[in-house]
């Protein structure tokens, strides 16, 4: 007969997996992506990983400039974490760096369907549309980012993605408006 009030025993394997995930998160926070990958590799066969592990793996690989591998991990995570905006941003970032600007834009546009109030999505879309040479979209998305969070205005000067539009009068007018 079981005693009342006694805590149920925690499966040691589950607890260990949790520790490795927490360890990987810590290594990522400390900017030690190689160590994060090592911690995640302890989880065993990747086919059995939960989505959060795939997301952490993608972040570690992204930080190691292993963008194509990171994309695969992010895509696996995305199936069960469709609401995680950071995942879309990281996935788009990797697509951009693998020469797939079209997929970077598509990814961020999907993210807008999840959260249309996130200024980072609009700002990054403006960056990517600038590189793609679509001024009207740049102005629309950048204006929306500024509307949602005026601090994004401070980032434009240092953002090389906007170099194609630096001399454009409409771009100058949008970015020089004082709020």
N, C-alpha and C. Protein backbone atom coordinates (compact mmCIF):
# COMPACT_ATOMS: atom_id res chain seq x y z
N UNK A 1 0.84 -1.15 0.00
CA UNK A 1 0.00 0.00 0.00
C UNK A 1 0.91 1.24 0.00
N UNK A 2 0.59 2.21 -0.87
CA UNK A 2 1.38 3.44 -0.96
C UNK A 2 1.02 4.38 0.17
N UNK A 3 2.03 5.06 0.66
CA UNK A 3 1.79 6.03 1.74
C UNK A 3 1.28 7.33 1.15
N UNK A 4 0.31 7.94 1.81
CA UNK A 4 -0.22 9.21 1.38
C UNK A 4 0.78 10.32 1.66
N UNK A 5 0.79 11.33 0.81
CA UNK A 5 1.66 12.48 1.02
C UNK A 5 3.09 12.26 0.55
N UNK A 6 3.41 11.09 0.09
CA UNK A 6 4.76 10.81 -0.38
C UNK A 6 4.91 11.28 -1.83
N UNK A 7 6.00 11.99 -2.11
CA UNK A 7 6.23 12.47 -3.47
C UNK A 7 6.50 11.30 -4.39
N UNK A 8 5.96 11.42 -5.61
CA UNK A 8 6.25 10.38 -6.58
C UNK A 8 7.70 10.50 -7.01
N UNK A 9 8.28 9.39 -7.29
CA UNK A 9 9.69 9.38 -7.67
C UNK A 9 9.84 9.89 -9.09
N UNK A 10 10.90 10.67 -9.28
CA UNK A 10 11.19 11.22 -10.60
C UNK A 10 12.08 10.23 -11.34
N UNK A 11 11.74 9.99 -12.58
CA UNK A 11 12.54 9.11 -13.42
C UNK A 11 13.93 9.73 -13.58
N UNK A 12 14.98 9.04 -13.17
CA UNK A 12 16.34 9.60 -13.25
C UNK A 12 16.74 9.97 -14.69
N UNK A 13 16.29 9.21 -15.65
CA UNK A 13 16.63 9.51 -17.05
C UNK A 13 15.98 10.82 -17.49
N UNK A 14 14.76 11.06 -17.08
CA UNK A 14 14.07 12.31 -17.41
C UNK A 14 14.76 13.48 -16.74
N UNK A 15 15.13 13.30 -15.48
CA UNK A 15 15.82 14.36 -14.74
C UNK A 15 17.17 14.68 -15.40
N UNK A 16 17.88 13.65 -15.85
CA UNK A 16 19.17 13.87 -16.50
C UNK A 16 18.99 14.63 -17.81
N UNK A 17 17.99 14.27 -18.59
CA UNK A 17 17.72 14.98 -19.85
C UNK A 17 17.44 16.45 -19.58
N UNK A 18 16.68 16.70 -18.53
CA UNK A 18 16.36 18.07 -18.15
C UNK A 18 17.63 18.85 -17.79
N UNK A 19 18.53 18.20 -17.07
CA UNK A 19 19.79 18.84 -16.70
C UNK A 19 20.62 19.18 -17.94
N UNK A 20 20.67 18.26 -18.90
CA UNK A 20 21.44 18.52 -20.12
C UNK A 20 20.85 19.68 -20.92
N UNK A 21 19.52 19.76 -20.97
CA UNK A 21 18.87 20.88 -21.65
C UNK A 21 19.19 22.20 -20.94
N UNK A 22 19.10 22.19 -19.62
CA UNK A 22 19.41 23.40 -18.84
C UNK A 22 20.87 23.78 -19.02
N UNK A 23 21.74 22.79 -19.04
CA UNK A 23 23.16 23.03 -19.26
C UNK A 23 23.39 23.68 -20.62
N UNK A 24 22.73 23.15 -21.66
CA UNK A 24 22.87 23.69 -23.01
C UNK A 24 22.38 25.15 -23.05
N UNK A 25 21.27 25.43 -22.40
CA UNK A 25 20.77 26.81 -22.33
C UNK A 25 21.80 27.73 -21.68
N UNK A 26 22.39 27.26 -20.60
CA UNK A 26 23.41 28.04 -19.91
C UNK A 26 24.61 28.31 -20.79
N UNK A 27 25.07 27.30 -21.50
CA UNK A 27 26.21 27.49 -22.39
C UNK A 27 25.88 28.50 -23.49
N UNK A 28 24.65 28.47 -24.00
CA UNK A 28 24.27 29.45 -25.01
C UNK A 28 24.27 30.87 -24.43
N UNK A 29 23.77 31.00 -23.22
CA UNK A 29 23.78 32.32 -22.57
C UNK A 29 25.20 32.83 -22.35
N UNK A 30 26.13 31.92 -22.14
CA UNK A 30 27.53 32.28 -21.93
C UNK A 30 28.31 32.38 -23.23
N UNK A 31 27.60 32.27 -24.37
CA UNK A 31 28.21 32.33 -25.69
C UNK A 31 29.25 31.22 -25.87
N UNK A 32 28.85 30.03 -25.47
CA UNK A 32 29.69 28.84 -25.62
C UNK A 32 28.92 27.78 -26.41
N UNK A 33 28.68 28.05 -27.71
CA UNK A 33 27.83 27.15 -28.49
C UNK A 33 28.38 25.74 -28.68
N UNK A 34 29.69 25.60 -28.73
CA UNK A 34 30.27 24.26 -28.90
C UNK A 34 29.93 23.39 -27.69
N UNK A 35 30.04 23.98 -26.50
CA UNK A 35 29.69 23.24 -25.28
C UNK A 35 28.19 22.92 -25.26
N UNK A 36 27.37 23.83 -25.77
CA UNK A 36 25.93 23.59 -25.83
C UNK A 36 25.64 22.38 -26.71
N UNK A 37 26.30 22.31 -27.85
CA UNK A 37 26.11 21.17 -28.75
C UNK A 37 26.52 19.87 -28.05
N UNK A 38 27.62 19.91 -27.32
CA UNK A 38 28.07 18.71 -26.58
C UNK A 38 27.03 18.28 -25.56
N UNK A 39 26.46 19.23 -24.85
CA UNK A 39 25.42 18.90 -23.86
C UNK A 39 24.21 18.27 -24.54
N UNK A 40 23.82 18.84 -25.66
CA UNK A 40 22.66 18.32 -26.39
C UNK A 40 22.94 16.95 -26.99
N UNK A 41 24.16 16.73 -27.43
CA UNK A 41 24.52 15.42 -28.01
C UNK A 41 24.35 14.30 -26.99
N UNK A 42 24.43 14.63 -25.71
CA UNK A 42 24.24 13.62 -24.66
C UNK A 42 22.81 13.08 -24.63
N UNK A 43 21.88 13.83 -25.25
CA UNK A 43 20.49 13.39 -25.27
C UNK A 43 20.29 12.15 -26.12
N UNK A 44 21.26 11.84 -26.96
CA UNK A 44 21.16 10.65 -27.79
C UNK A 44 20.59 10.94 -29.15
N UNK A 45 19.92 9.96 -29.71
CA UNK A 45 19.38 10.03 -31.07
C UNK A 45 18.48 11.26 -31.24
N UNK A 46 18.81 12.10 -32.20
CA UNK A 46 18.07 13.35 -32.41
C UNK A 46 16.63 13.11 -32.81
N UNK A 47 16.34 11.96 -33.35
CA UNK A 47 14.96 11.66 -33.74
C UNK A 47 14.04 11.66 -32.52
N UNK A 48 14.60 11.41 -31.35
CA UNK A 48 13.79 11.37 -30.14
C UNK A 48 13.78 12.68 -29.34
N UNK A 49 14.43 13.69 -29.87
CA UNK A 49 14.50 14.96 -29.16
C UNK A 49 13.16 15.68 -29.18
N UNK A 50 12.88 16.40 -28.09
CA UNK A 50 11.71 17.27 -28.08
C UNK A 50 12.07 18.56 -28.83
N UNK A 51 11.05 19.33 -29.16
CA UNK A 51 11.23 20.54 -29.97
C UNK A 51 12.17 21.55 -29.33
N UNK A 52 12.11 21.69 -28.02
CA UNK A 52 12.98 22.66 -27.35
C UNK A 52 14.45 22.30 -27.56
N UNK A 53 14.77 21.03 -27.54
CA UNK A 53 16.15 20.60 -27.78
C UNK A 53 16.58 20.94 -29.21
N UNK A 54 15.68 20.74 -30.16
CA UNK A 54 16.00 21.09 -31.55
C UNK A 54 16.23 22.59 -31.69
N UNK A 55 15.41 23.38 -30.99
CA UNK A 55 15.58 24.83 -31.03
C UNK A 55 16.94 25.23 -30.46
N UNK A 56 17.30 24.69 -29.31
CA UNK A 56 18.60 25.01 -28.71
C UNK A 56 19.75 24.58 -29.62
N UNK A 57 19.58 23.42 -30.25
CA UNK A 57 20.59 22.91 -31.17
C UNK A 57 20.74 23.88 -32.35
N UNK A 58 19.62 24.34 -32.87
CA UNK A 58 19.66 25.31 -33.97
C UNK A 58 20.38 26.58 -33.57
N UNK A 59 20.09 27.08 -32.37
CA UNK A 59 20.75 28.30 -31.89
C UNK A 59 22.26 28.09 -31.75
N UNK A 60 22.65 26.95 -31.23
CA UNK A 60 24.08 26.66 -31.09
C UNK A 60 24.75 26.60 -32.46
N UNK A 61 24.13 25.90 -33.39
CA UNK A 61 24.71 25.79 -34.73
C UNK A 61 24.75 27.14 -35.44
N UNK A 62 23.71 27.94 -35.25
CA UNK A 62 23.68 29.29 -35.83
C UNK A 62 24.85 30.11 -35.31
N UNK A 63 25.12 30.02 -34.02
CA UNK A 63 26.23 30.74 -33.42
C UNK A 63 27.59 30.23 -33.88
N UNK A 64 27.60 29.02 -34.39
CA UNK A 64 28.84 28.44 -34.92
C UNK A 64 28.96 28.65 -36.44
N UNK A 65 28.03 29.43 -37.01
CA UNK A 65 27.98 29.70 -38.45
C UNK A 65 27.76 28.44 -39.27
N UNK A 66 27.07 27.48 -38.70
CA UNK A 66 26.70 26.26 -39.40
C UNK A 66 25.23 26.38 -39.77
N UNK A 67 24.97 27.31 -40.68
CA UNK A 67 23.61 27.77 -40.96
C UNK A 67 22.70 26.71 -41.56
N UNK A 68 23.20 25.92 -42.49
CA UNK A 68 22.34 24.90 -43.11
C UNK A 68 21.91 23.85 -42.10
N UNK A 69 22.82 23.45 -41.22
CA UNK A 69 22.47 22.50 -40.17
C UNK A 69 21.48 23.14 -39.18
N UNK A 70 21.70 24.40 -38.89
CA UNK A 70 20.81 25.12 -37.96
C UNK A 70 19.40 25.17 -38.53
N UNK A 71 19.28 25.41 -39.82
CA UNK A 71 17.97 25.46 -40.47
C UNK A 71 17.21 24.17 -40.23
N UNK A 72 17.88 23.04 -40.39
CA UNK A 72 17.22 21.75 -40.19
C UNK A 72 16.72 21.60 -38.75
N UNK A 73 17.52 22.00 -37.80
CA UNK A 73 17.11 21.92 -36.39
C UNK A 73 15.94 22.86 -36.11
N UNK A 74 16.01 24.08 -36.64
CA UNK A 74 14.91 25.03 -36.44
C UNK A 74 13.61 24.52 -37.06
N UNK A 75 13.71 23.92 -38.22
CA UNK A 75 12.51 23.41 -38.88
C UNK A 75 11.87 22.27 -38.07
N UNK A 76 12.70 21.44 -37.47
CA UNK A 76 12.16 20.39 -36.60
C UNK A 76 11.47 20.98 -35.38
N UNK A 77 12.06 22.01 -34.81
CA UNK A 77 11.49 22.66 -33.63
C UNK A 77 10.20 23.38 -33.98
N UNK A 78 10.14 23.94 -35.16
CA UNK A 78 9.00 24.77 -35.57
C UNK A 78 7.69 23.99 -35.62
N UNK A 79 7.76 22.72 -35.86
CA UNK A 79 6.53 21.91 -35.93
C UNK A 79 5.73 21.97 -34.64
N UNK A 80 6.43 21.96 -33.51
CA UNK A 80 5.75 21.96 -32.22
C UNK A 80 5.81 23.30 -31.49
N UNK A 81 6.57 24.24 -32.02
CA UNK A 81 6.71 25.55 -31.37
C UNK A 81 6.35 26.68 -32.36
N UNK A 82 5.18 26.59 -32.99
CA UNK A 82 4.85 27.59 -34.01
C UNK A 82 4.65 28.99 -33.46
N UNK A 83 4.53 29.12 -32.14
CA UNK A 83 4.30 30.43 -31.53
C UNK A 83 5.60 31.11 -31.08
N UNK A 84 6.71 30.45 -31.20
CA UNK A 84 7.99 30.98 -30.72
C UNK A 84 8.60 31.92 -31.77
N UNK A 85 8.42 33.21 -31.57
CA UNK A 85 8.87 34.21 -32.53
C UNK A 85 10.39 34.16 -32.72
N UNK A 86 11.12 33.93 -31.64
CA UNK A 86 12.58 33.87 -31.74
C UNK A 86 13.03 32.80 -32.72
N UNK A 87 12.26 31.74 -32.82
CA UNK A 87 12.59 30.65 -33.74
C UNK A 87 12.50 31.15 -35.18
N UNK A 88 11.44 31.88 -35.51
CA UNK A 88 11.28 32.43 -36.85
C UNK A 88 12.43 33.39 -37.19
N UNK A 89 12.77 34.23 -36.24
CA UNK A 89 13.84 35.21 -36.47
C UNK A 89 15.16 34.50 -36.73
N UNK A 90 15.46 33.50 -35.93
CA UNK A 90 16.71 32.76 -36.11
C UNK A 90 16.72 31.98 -37.41
N UNK A 91 15.59 31.38 -37.74
CA UNK A 91 15.49 30.63 -39.00
C UNK A 91 15.68 31.56 -40.19
N UNK A 92 15.04 32.71 -40.16
CA UNK A 92 15.18 33.68 -41.24
C UNK A 92 16.63 34.16 -41.35
N UNK A 93 17.26 34.39 -40.20
CA UNK A 93 18.65 34.83 -40.16
C UNK A 93 19.55 33.82 -40.89
N UNK A 94 19.30 32.55 -40.64
CA UNK A 94 20.09 31.49 -41.29
C UNK A 94 19.80 31.42 -42.79
N UNK A 95 18.52 31.56 -43.15
CA UNK A 95 18.19 31.56 -44.58
C UNK A 95 18.92 32.69 -45.30
N UNK A 96 18.96 33.85 -44.69
CA UNK A 96 19.65 34.99 -45.30
C UNK A 96 21.12 34.64 -45.54
N UNK A 97 21.73 34.01 -44.58
CA UNK A 97 23.15 33.72 -44.68
C UNK A 97 23.48 32.53 -45.57
N UNK A 98 22.47 31.80 -45.99
CA UNK A 98 22.69 30.72 -46.96
C UNK A 98 22.28 31.17 -48.36
N UNK A 99 22.05 32.48 -48.51
CA UNK A 99 21.71 33.01 -49.82
C UNK A 99 20.25 32.86 -50.21
N UNK A 100 19.40 32.52 -49.25
CA UNK A 100 17.98 32.34 -49.55
C UNK A 100 17.16 33.47 -48.91
N UNK A 101 17.37 34.66 -49.44
CA UNK A 101 16.66 35.83 -48.95
C UNK A 101 15.15 35.65 -49.10
N UNK A 102 14.74 34.97 -50.15
CA UNK A 102 13.31 34.71 -50.36
C UNK A 102 12.71 33.90 -49.21
N UNK A 103 13.45 32.91 -48.73
CA UNK A 103 12.96 32.10 -47.61
C UNK A 103 13.03 32.87 -46.29
N UNK A 104 14.01 33.74 -46.17
CA UNK A 104 14.10 34.58 -44.97
C UNK A 104 12.86 35.46 -44.88
N UNK A 105 12.50 36.08 -45.97
CA UNK A 105 11.32 36.95 -46.01
C UNK A 105 10.05 36.14 -45.76
N UNK A 106 9.94 35.01 -46.41
CA UNK A 106 8.77 34.14 -46.23
C UNK A 106 8.61 33.71 -44.77
N UNK A 107 9.71 33.38 -44.14
CA UNK A 107 9.69 32.95 -42.74
C UNK A 107 9.19 34.06 -41.83
N UNK A 108 9.69 35.28 -42.04
CA UNK A 108 9.26 36.39 -41.19
C UNK A 108 7.81 36.78 -41.46
N UNK A 109 7.37 36.63 -42.69
CA UNK A 109 5.97 36.92 -42.99
C UNK A 109 5.06 35.90 -42.31
N UNK A 110 5.50 34.66 -42.23
CA UNK A 110 4.75 33.64 -41.46
C UNK A 110 4.70 34.03 -39.99
N UNK A 111 5.80 34.56 -39.48
CA UNK A 111 5.85 34.96 -38.08
C UNK A 111 4.86 36.08 -37.79
N UNK A 112 4.64 36.96 -38.76
CA UNK A 112 3.67 38.03 -38.57
C UNK A 112 2.26 37.48 -38.37
N UNK A 113 1.99 36.32 -38.93
CA UNK A 113 0.70 35.68 -38.72
C UNK A 113 0.55 35.20 -37.28
N UNK A 114 1.66 34.94 -36.63
CA UNK A 114 1.66 34.51 -35.23
C UNK A 114 1.57 35.71 -34.29
N UNK A 115 2.36 36.75 -34.59
CA UNK A 115 2.38 37.94 -33.73
C UNK A 115 2.64 39.18 -34.58
N UNK A 116 1.58 39.87 -34.93
CA UNK A 116 1.68 41.06 -35.77
C UNK A 116 2.05 42.30 -34.98
N UNK A 117 2.36 42.14 -33.69
CA UNK A 117 2.72 43.28 -32.86
C UNK A 117 4.21 43.30 -32.51
N UNK A 118 4.97 42.39 -33.05
CA UNK A 118 6.40 42.29 -32.72
C UNK A 118 7.22 43.17 -33.67
N UNK A 119 7.77 44.29 -33.16
CA UNK A 119 8.50 45.22 -34.03
C UNK A 119 9.74 44.62 -34.67
N UNK A 120 10.38 43.67 -34.00
CA UNK A 120 11.58 43.05 -34.56
C UNK A 120 11.29 42.38 -35.91
N UNK A 121 10.10 41.81 -36.05
CA UNK A 121 9.74 41.17 -37.32
C UNK A 121 9.68 42.20 -38.44
N UNK A 122 9.05 43.33 -38.18
CA UNK A 122 8.95 44.39 -39.18
C UNK A 122 10.32 44.97 -39.52
N UNK A 123 11.14 45.17 -38.50
CA UNK A 123 12.47 45.72 -38.72
C UNK A 123 13.29 44.77 -39.60
N UNK A 124 13.29 43.48 -39.25
CA UNK A 124 14.06 42.52 -40.04
C UNK A 124 13.51 42.37 -41.46
N UNK A 125 12.20 42.43 -41.59
CA UNK A 125 11.62 42.39 -42.94
C UNK A 125 12.08 43.60 -43.75
N UNK A 126 12.14 44.76 -43.12
CA UNK A 126 12.64 45.95 -43.81
C UNK A 126 14.09 45.74 -44.26
N UNK A 127 14.89 45.15 -43.41
CA UNK A 127 16.28 44.85 -43.77
C UNK A 127 16.35 43.95 -45.00
N UNK A 128 15.59 42.87 -44.95
CA UNK A 128 15.65 41.89 -46.03
C UNK A 128 15.07 42.44 -47.33
N UNK A 129 14.00 43.22 -47.24
CA UNK A 129 13.43 43.82 -48.45
C UNK A 129 14.39 44.86 -49.02
N UNK A 130 15.17 45.52 -48.17
CA UNK A 130 16.17 46.45 -48.66
C UNK A 130 17.21 45.71 -49.50
N UNK A 131 17.66 44.59 -49.00
CA UNK A 131 18.63 43.79 -49.75
C UNK A 131 18.04 43.25 -51.04
N UNK A 132 16.73 43.03 -51.04
CA UNK A 132 16.05 42.52 -52.24
C UNK A 132 15.69 43.64 -53.21
N UNK A 133 15.89 44.90 -52.79
CA UNK A 133 15.66 46.03 -53.68
C UNK A 133 14.22 46.48 -53.81
N UNK A 134 13.42 46.30 -52.76
CA UNK A 134 12.01 46.69 -52.80
C UNK A 134 11.77 47.84 -51.83
N UNK A 135 12.02 49.04 -52.31
CA UNK A 135 11.95 50.24 -51.48
C UNK A 135 10.59 50.42 -50.80
N UNK A 136 9.51 50.26 -51.52
CA UNK A 136 8.18 50.49 -50.95
C UNK A 136 7.94 49.58 -49.75
N UNK A 137 8.35 48.34 -49.86
CA UNK A 137 8.18 47.40 -48.74
C UNK A 137 9.09 47.77 -47.58
N UNK A 138 10.28 48.21 -47.90
CA UNK A 138 11.21 48.65 -46.84
C UNK A 138 10.56 49.77 -46.04
N UNK A 139 10.06 50.76 -46.73
CA UNK A 139 9.47 51.92 -46.05
C UNK A 139 8.25 51.52 -45.23
N UNK A 140 7.43 50.63 -45.78
CA UNK A 140 6.24 50.18 -45.05
C UNK A 140 6.61 49.42 -43.78
N UNK A 141 7.52 48.45 -43.90
CA UNK A 141 7.88 47.64 -42.74
C UNK A 141 8.70 48.43 -41.72
N UNK A 142 9.58 49.27 -42.19
CA UNK A 142 10.38 50.06 -41.27
C UNK A 142 9.50 51.07 -40.53
N UNK A 143 8.57 51.67 -41.24
CA UNK A 143 7.63 52.59 -40.60
C UNK A 143 6.81 51.90 -39.52
N UNK A 144 6.40 50.68 -39.80
CA UNK A 144 5.63 49.91 -38.80
C UNK A 144 6.50 49.57 -37.59
N UNK A 145 7.74 49.21 -37.81
CA UNK A 145 8.66 48.92 -36.69
C UNK A 145 8.82 50.16 -35.83
N UNK A 146 9.01 51.31 -36.45
CA UNK A 146 9.15 52.57 -35.70
C UNK A 146 7.88 52.89 -34.92
N UNK A 147 6.74 52.64 -35.54
CA UNK A 147 5.46 52.91 -34.88
C UNK A 147 5.31 52.06 -33.61
N UNK A 148 5.69 50.78 -33.72
CA UNK A 148 5.55 49.86 -32.59
C UNK A 148 6.61 50.09 -31.52
N UNK A 149 7.81 50.50 -31.95
CA UNK A 149 8.90 50.72 -30.99
C UNK A 149 9.90 51.70 -31.60
N UNK A 150 9.83 52.92 -31.14
CA UNK A 150 10.68 53.98 -31.68
C UNK A 150 12.16 53.73 -31.53
N UNK A 151 12.56 52.85 -30.62
CA UNK A 151 14.00 52.61 -30.43
C UNK A 151 14.65 51.95 -31.65
N UNK A 152 13.84 51.35 -32.51
CA UNK A 152 14.41 50.75 -33.73
C UNK A 152 15.00 51.81 -34.65
N UNK A 153 14.54 53.03 -34.52
CA UNK A 153 15.07 54.14 -35.32
C UNK A 153 16.58 54.30 -35.07
N UNK A 154 17.02 54.06 -33.84
CA UNK A 154 18.42 54.22 -33.48
C UNK A 154 19.32 53.16 -34.12
N UNK A 155 18.74 52.08 -34.57
CA UNK A 155 19.53 50.98 -35.11
C UNK A 155 19.83 51.14 -36.60
N UNK A 156 19.06 51.97 -37.27
CA UNK A 156 19.16 52.09 -38.72
C UNK A 156 20.54 52.57 -39.18
N UNK A 157 21.10 53.53 -38.48
CA UNK A 157 22.37 54.11 -38.89
C UNK A 157 23.48 53.07 -39.01
N UNK A 158 23.48 52.09 -38.12
CA UNK A 158 24.54 51.07 -38.11
C UNK A 158 24.19 49.82 -38.91
N UNK A 159 23.00 49.76 -39.47
CA UNK A 159 22.54 48.56 -40.17
C UNK A 159 22.95 48.60 -41.64
N UNK A 160 23.90 47.77 -42.01
CA UNK A 160 24.40 47.76 -43.39
C UNK A 160 23.36 47.28 -44.40
N UNK A 161 22.35 46.56 -43.94
CA UNK A 161 21.31 46.10 -44.87
C UNK A 161 20.59 47.28 -45.53
N UNK A 162 20.63 48.45 -44.90
CA UNK A 162 19.96 49.62 -45.46
C UNK A 162 20.87 50.46 -46.36
N UNK A 163 22.10 50.04 -46.55
CA UNK A 163 23.03 50.80 -47.38
C UNK A 163 22.48 51.08 -48.79
N UNK A 164 21.76 50.15 -49.41
CA UNK A 164 21.23 50.45 -50.75
C UNK A 164 20.27 51.66 -50.79
N UNK A 165 19.72 52.03 -49.65
CA UNK A 165 18.74 53.13 -49.63
C UNK A 165 19.24 54.39 -48.92
N UNK A 166 20.46 54.40 -48.47
CA UNK A 166 20.96 55.52 -47.67
C UNK A 166 20.72 56.89 -48.32
N UNK A 167 20.87 56.99 -49.63
CA UNK A 167 20.72 58.27 -50.31
C UNK A 167 19.31 58.54 -50.81
N UNK A 168 18.40 57.62 -50.61
CA UNK A 168 17.04 57.79 -51.11
C UNK A 168 16.29 58.83 -50.27
N UNK A 169 15.67 59.83 -50.91
CA UNK A 169 14.98 60.88 -50.16
C UNK A 169 13.84 60.36 -49.26
N UNK A 170 13.09 59.38 -49.72
CA UNK A 170 12.00 58.83 -48.91
C UNK A 170 12.54 58.10 -47.68
N UNK A 171 13.63 57.38 -47.87
CA UNK A 171 14.26 56.67 -46.76
C UNK A 171 14.81 57.67 -45.75
N UNK A 172 15.47 58.70 -46.25
CA UNK A 172 16.03 59.74 -45.38
C UNK A 172 14.91 60.41 -44.59
N UNK A 173 13.81 60.71 -45.26
CA UNK A 173 12.68 61.36 -44.58
C UNK A 173 12.12 60.46 -43.49
N UNK A 174 11.93 59.18 -43.77
CA UNK A 174 11.38 58.26 -42.77
C UNK A 174 12.31 58.11 -41.56
N UNK A 175 13.58 57.97 -41.84
CA UNK A 175 14.53 57.68 -40.77
C UNK A 175 14.97 58.92 -39.99
N UNK A 176 14.71 60.11 -40.53
CA UNK A 176 15.14 61.30 -39.82
C UNK A 176 14.01 61.99 -39.07
N UNK A 177 12.81 61.45 -39.13
CA UNK A 177 11.69 62.02 -38.41
C UNK A 177 11.94 61.88 -36.92
N UNK A 178 11.79 62.98 -36.19
CA UNK A 178 11.99 62.94 -34.74
C UNK A 178 10.63 62.78 -34.08
N UNK A 179 10.55 61.77 -33.23
CA UNK A 179 9.29 61.48 -32.56
C UNK A 179 9.32 61.97 -31.13
